[in-house]
Amino acid sequence: MADGGAVTGEARSSGPAGYWAPGSHILWRYRENAGPRFHIARPVTVVRDDEDVLAVWMAPGTQCVKPVLADGTPLHQEPLATRYTKPRSVQLDHWFGTGVLKLARPGEPWSVWLFWEPGWRFKNWYVNLEEPLVRWAGGVDSEDHFLDISVHPDRSWHWRDEDEFAQAQRDGLMDAGLAERVRRAGLRAVEAIRSWGPPFSDNWENWRPDPSWGVPSLPEDWDRTPARMSS
């Protein structure tokens, strides 16, 4: 594929189940919490897509959409007490540093991301608690649930962003019922970590991208509302 190739999921989705072929370019998106708009969009390259897992690669330098405050302030610079209540906008940016491999098993309320240090020294797995992915012709959509888990090469783990998870509840971005479902999902993810089940046991940390792959470009209509496919 040539560098800067457009998202090609609609043209390259194949097979009776609608799986994407390896090398296809799709979008991985997140809706804003308690709102209808998309505020995160990342073009990615499909590594594997079947009944067991969707694996995608976000290459270094990928142009993405990210949320910011309405005045352009990065979210992490805003104090937590007002981070989710101030008006927001979105901004184009690029993913710098090493790339990210994202893995999602059908129907699971989390995805697992793999990070490396420069030189392909494996850093950690990151369990991102979220709505199960919803597939459409050009990619997958979800909603982030704030709470996350870091998993280290020695198989130790710890919760992340518990303060953001609590603040989101105080600010009305998730009700008590959803918060309880998220916490239960996190405990199920912990069970998978402790038993070292898929995808942790699948040797993905030794995977490497095809050197012929280019960096997919962000389409102008990245926020389009598509007809839905199955999750």
Protein backbone atom coordinates (compact mmCIF):
# COMPACT_ATOMS: atom_id res chain seq x y z
CA MET A 1 0.00 0.00 0.00
CA ALA A 2 1.17 3.50 -0.72
CA ASP A 3 1.70 5.93 2.13
CA GLY A 4 -1.30 8.12 2.80
CA GLY A 5 -3.77 5.54 1.51
CA ALA A 6 -7.38 6.36 2.29
CA VAL A 7 -9.56 4.30 4.61
CA THR A 8 -10.67 1.40 2.46
CA GLY A 9 -12.85 -0.74 4.70
CA GLU A 10 -15.95 -0.37 2.55
CA ALA A 11 -14.13 -1.46 -0.60
CA ARG A 12 -12.08 -4.22 0.97
CA SER A 13 -14.42 -5.87 3.45
CA SER A 14 -14.75 -9.43 2.21
CA GLY A 15 -16.29 -12.79 2.89
CA PRO A 16 -19.83 -13.79 3.89
CA ALA A 17 -19.28 -12.65 7.48
CA GLY A 18 -17.99 -9.25 6.37
CA TYR A 19 -14.49 -9.64 7.77
CA TRP A 20 -11.78 -7.26 6.60
CA ALA A 21 -8.77 -8.62 4.78
CA PRO A 22 -5.32 -8.06 6.33
CA GLY A 23 -3.94 -4.74 5.13
CA SER A 24 -7.36 -3.06 4.89
CA HIS A 25 -7.61 0.48 6.23
CA ILE A 26 -10.53 1.18 8.58
CA LEU A 27 -11.50 3.71 11.27
CA TRP A 28 -11.48 3.00 15.01
CA ARG A 29 -13.77 5.60 16.62
CA TYR A 30 -15.20 6.61 19.99
CA ARG A 31 -18.35 8.58 20.67
CA GLU A 32 -18.29 11.32 23.28
CA ASN A 33 -19.61 10.18 26.65
CA ALA A 34 -23.30 10.90 27.18
CA GLY A 35 -23.49 12.45 23.71
CA PRO A 36 -24.10 11.49 20.08
CA ARG A 37 -20.96 12.86 18.38
CA PHE A 38 -17.70 11.13 17.63
CA HIS A 39 -14.73 12.78 19.32
CA ILE A 40 -11.97 10.24 18.66
CA ALA A 41 -11.16 8.79 15.23
CA ARG A 42 -8.03 6.81 14.35
CA PRO A 43 -7.27 5.29 10.94
CA VAL A 44 -5.78 1.83 11.42
CA THR A 45 -4.58 -1.12 9.34
CA VAL A 46 -6.24 -4.51 9.81
CA VAL A 47 -3.83 -7.22 10.96
CA ARG A 48 -6.38 -9.98 11.48
CA ASP A 49 -10.16 -10.12 11.48
CA ASP A 50 -12.16 -13.28 12.15
CA GLU A 51 -14.60 -14.85 14.62
CA ASP A 52 -11.98 -14.74 17.39
CA VAL A 53 -10.40 -11.31 17.21
CA LEU A 54 -10.10 -8.03 15.36
CA ALA A 55 -6.46 -6.92 15.45
CA VAL A 56 -5.45 -3.53 14.02
CA TRP A 57 -2.24 -1.52 13.85
CA MET A 58 -2.08 2.24 14.47
CA ALA A 59 1.17 3.33 12.90
CA PRO A 60 3.42 6.12 14.19
CA GLY A 61 2.54 9.43 12.56
CA THR A 62 -1.12 8.53 11.97
CA GLN A 63 -3.36 11.61 11.74
CA CYS A 64 -6.13 11.31 14.32
CA VAL A 65 -9.02 13.26 15.79
CA LYS A 66 -8.90 13.91 19.54
CA PRO A 67 -11.06 15.86 22.00
CA VAL A 68 -9.83 19.15 23.46
CA LEU A 69 -11.45 21.95 25.43
CA ALA A 70 -13.24 24.54 23.31
CA ASP A 71 -10.28 26.91 23.65
CA GLY A 72 -7.88 24.21 22.44
CA THR A 73 -6.49 23.28 25.86
CA PRO A 74 -5.47 19.60 26.03
CA LEU A 75 -7.77 17.65 28.33
CA HIS A 76 -5.00 16.40 30.59
CA GLN A 77 -4.03 20.00 31.42
CA GLU A 78 -7.49 20.78 32.80
CA PRO A 79 -8.06 20.01 36.51
CA LEU A 80 -10.11 16.87 36.98
CA ALA A 81 -12.90 18.73 38.80
CA THR A 82 -13.78 20.67 35.63
CA ARG A 83 -12.35 18.42 32.91
CA TYR A 84 -15.71 16.90 31.96
CA THR A 85 -17.93 19.96 32.42
CA LYS A 86 -16.20 22.61 30.29
CA PRO A 87 -17.24 22.97 26.63
CA ARG A 88 -15.29 20.81 24.20
CA SER A 89 -14.25 20.65 20.60
CA VAL A 90 -12.11 18.29 18.54
CA GLN A 91 -8.69 18.77 17.01
CA LEU A 92 -6.55 17.06 14.39
CA ASP A 93 -3.29 15.67 15.69
CA HIS A 94 -0.76 12.93 14.90
CA TRP A 95 0.10 9.84 16.91
CA PHE A 96 3.74 10.27 17.84
CA GLY A 97 6.11 7.72 19.28
CA THR A 98 5.81 4.02 18.66
CA GLY A 99 2.68 2.51 17.16
CA VAL A 100 -0.10 0.64 18.95
CA LEU A 101 -1.55 -2.80 18.27
CA LYS A 102 -5.22 -2.99 19.28
CA LEU A 103 -7.05 -6.27 19.87
CA ALA A 104 -10.79 -6.71 20.36
CA ARG A 105 -12.64 -10.00 20.82
CA PRO A 106 -16.27 -10.02 19.57
CA GLY A 107 -18.75 -8.87 22.21
CA GLU A 108 -16.19 -8.12 24.93
CA PRO A 109 -16.60 -4.77 26.76
CA TRP A 110 -12.89 -3.98 26.49
CA SER A 111 -10.06 -3.93 24.00
CA VAL A 112 -6.42 -4.74 24.70
CA TRP A 113 -3.67 -2.46 23.38
CA LEU A 114 0.01 -3.32 23.14
CA PHE A 115 2.75 -0.70 23.51
CA TRP A 116 6.45 -0.91 22.73
CA GLU A 117 9.46 1.21 23.56
CA PRO A 118 11.71 2.32 20.66
CA GLY A 119 13.56 -0.64 19.22
CA TRP A 120 10.54 -2.91 19.74
CA ARG A 121 11.20 -3.52 23.42
CA PHE A 122 7.78 -4.57 24.73
CA LYS A 123 6.40 -2.15 27.31
CA ASN A 124 2.93 -3.27 28.42
CA TRP A 125 -0.62 -4.33 27.63
CA TYR A 126 -3.38 -1.79 28.28
CA VAL A 127 -6.96 -2.95 28.87
CA ASN A 128 -9.33 -0.21 27.71
CA LEU A 129 -12.81 -0.73 29.21
CA GLU A 130 -15.43 0.34 26.67
CA GLU A 131 -18.68 -0.56 24.95
CA PRO A 132 -18.33 -3.69 22.79
CA LEU A 133 -17.28 -2.59 19.33
CA VAL A 134 -20.02 -2.01 16.76
CA ARG A 135 -18.93 -2.78 13.22
CA TRP A 136 -19.93 -0.80 10.15
CA ALA A 137 -18.64 -0.87 6.59
CA GLY A 138 -15.79 1.55 7.25
CA GLY A 139 -14.68 0.56 10.73
CA VAL A 140 -15.71 0.08 14.36
CA ASP A 141 -17.32 2.37 16.94
CA SER A 142 -17.38 2.34 20.73
CA GLU A 143 -17.65 4.56 23.81
CA ASP A 144 -14.85 4.72 26.36
CA HIS A 145 -15.67 3.89 29.97
CA PHE A 146 -12.79 5.75 31.69
CA LEU A 147 -11.54 2.86 33.84
CA ASP A 148 -8.51 0.96 32.51
CA ILE A 149 -5.95 -1.67 33.51
CA SER A 150 -2.20 -1.79 32.87
CA VAL A 151 -0.60 -5.22 32.52
CA HIS A 152 3.17 -5.57 32.66
CA PRO A 153 5.49 -8.13 31.06
CA ASP A 154 5.85 -9.93 34.41
CA ARG A 155 2.02 -10.36 34.38
CA SER A 156 1.49 -7.95 37.27
CA TRP A 157 -1.35 -5.48 36.78
CA HIS A 158 -2.97 -2.41 38.30
CA TRP A 159 -6.06 -0.27 37.80
CA ARG A 160 -5.69 3.02 35.97
CA ASP A 161 -7.78 6.21 35.90
CA GLU A 162 -9.97 5.33 38.87
CA ASP A 163 -10.09 9.06 39.65
CA GLU A 164 -11.48 9.81 36.18
CA PHE A 165 -13.98 6.97 36.50
CA ALA A 166 -15.25 8.46 39.78
CA GLN A 167 -15.35 12.02 38.40
CA ALA A 168 -17.31 10.90 35.34
CA GLN A 169 -19.97 9.51 37.67
CA ARG A 170 -20.09 12.72 39.71
CA ASP A 171 -20.48 14.74 36.51
CA GLY A 172 -23.33 12.59 35.19
CA LEU A 173 -21.47 10.98 32.30
CA MET A 174 -22.47 7.53 33.54
CA ASP A 175 -25.19 6.47 35.93
CA ALA A 176 -24.84 3.98 38.77
CA GLY A 177 -26.06 1.08 36.65
CA LEU A 178 -23.51 1.67 33.90
CA ALA A 179 -20.73 2.22 36.43
CA GLU A 180 -21.51 -1.12 38.04
CA ARG A 181 -21.46 -2.87 34.66
CA VAL A 182 -18.10 -1.29 33.90
CA ARG A 183 -16.66 -2.40 37.22
CA ARG A 184 -17.94 -5.96 36.64
CA ALA A 185 -16.39 -5.92 33.16
CA GLY A 186 -13.11 -4.83 34.70
CA LEU A 187 -13.20 -7.73 37.15
CA ARG A 188 -13.83 -10.16 34.29
CA ALA A 189 -10.82 -8.67 32.50
CA VAL A 190 -8.77 -9.19 35.66
CA GLU A 191 -9.83 -12.85 35.65
CA ALA A 192 -8.52 -13.16 32.08
CA ILE A 193 -5.25 -11.55 33.17
CA ARG A 194 -4.84 -13.82 36.19
CA SER A 195 -5.55 -16.95 34.15
CA TRP A 196 -3.38 -15.58 31.33
CA GLY A 197 -6.00 -16.31 28.71
CA PRO A 198 -6.37 -14.74 25.25
CA PRO A 199 -5.19 -12.35 24.02
CA PHE A 200 -2.37 -12.16 26.61
CA SER A 201 -1.32 -15.74 25.91
CA ASP A 202 -1.33 -15.36 22.11
CA ASN A 203 2.24 -14.03 21.69
CA TRP A 204 1.12 -10.73 20.17
CA GLU A 205 4.03 -8.95 21.88
CA ASN A 206 6.32 -10.57 19.31
CA TRP A 207 4.20 -9.47 16.34
CA ARG A 208 5.61 -6.93 13.88
CA PRO A 209 3.84 -4.92 11.15
CA ASP A 210 4.31 -5.67 7.48
CA PRO A 211 7.05 -3.26 6.32
CA SER A 212 5.13 -2.63 3.10
CA TRP A 213 2.16 -1.10 4.94
CA GLY A 214 1.69 2.63 4.61
CA VAL A 215 0.06 5.04 7.03
CA PRO A 216 -3.69 5.32 6.32
CA SER A 217 -5.07 8.82 5.95
CA LEU A 218 -7.96 10.33 7.88
CA PRO A 219 -11.01 10.75 5.60
CA GLU A 220 -12.77 14.10 5.54
CA ASP A 221 -16.04 12.44 6.58
CA TRP A 222 -14.46 10.67 9.59
CA ASP A 223 -17.51 11.55 11.69
CA ARG A 224 -20.17 10.21 9.32
CA THR A 225 -23.08 8.25 10.74
CA PRO A 226 -23.11 4.94 8.86
CA ALA A 227 -25.54 2.10 8.52
CA ARG A 228 -24.68 -0.41 11.23
CA MET A 229 -23.40 -3.92 10.89
CA SER A 230 -23.30 -6.53 13.66
CA SER A 231 -20.89 -6.18 16.60
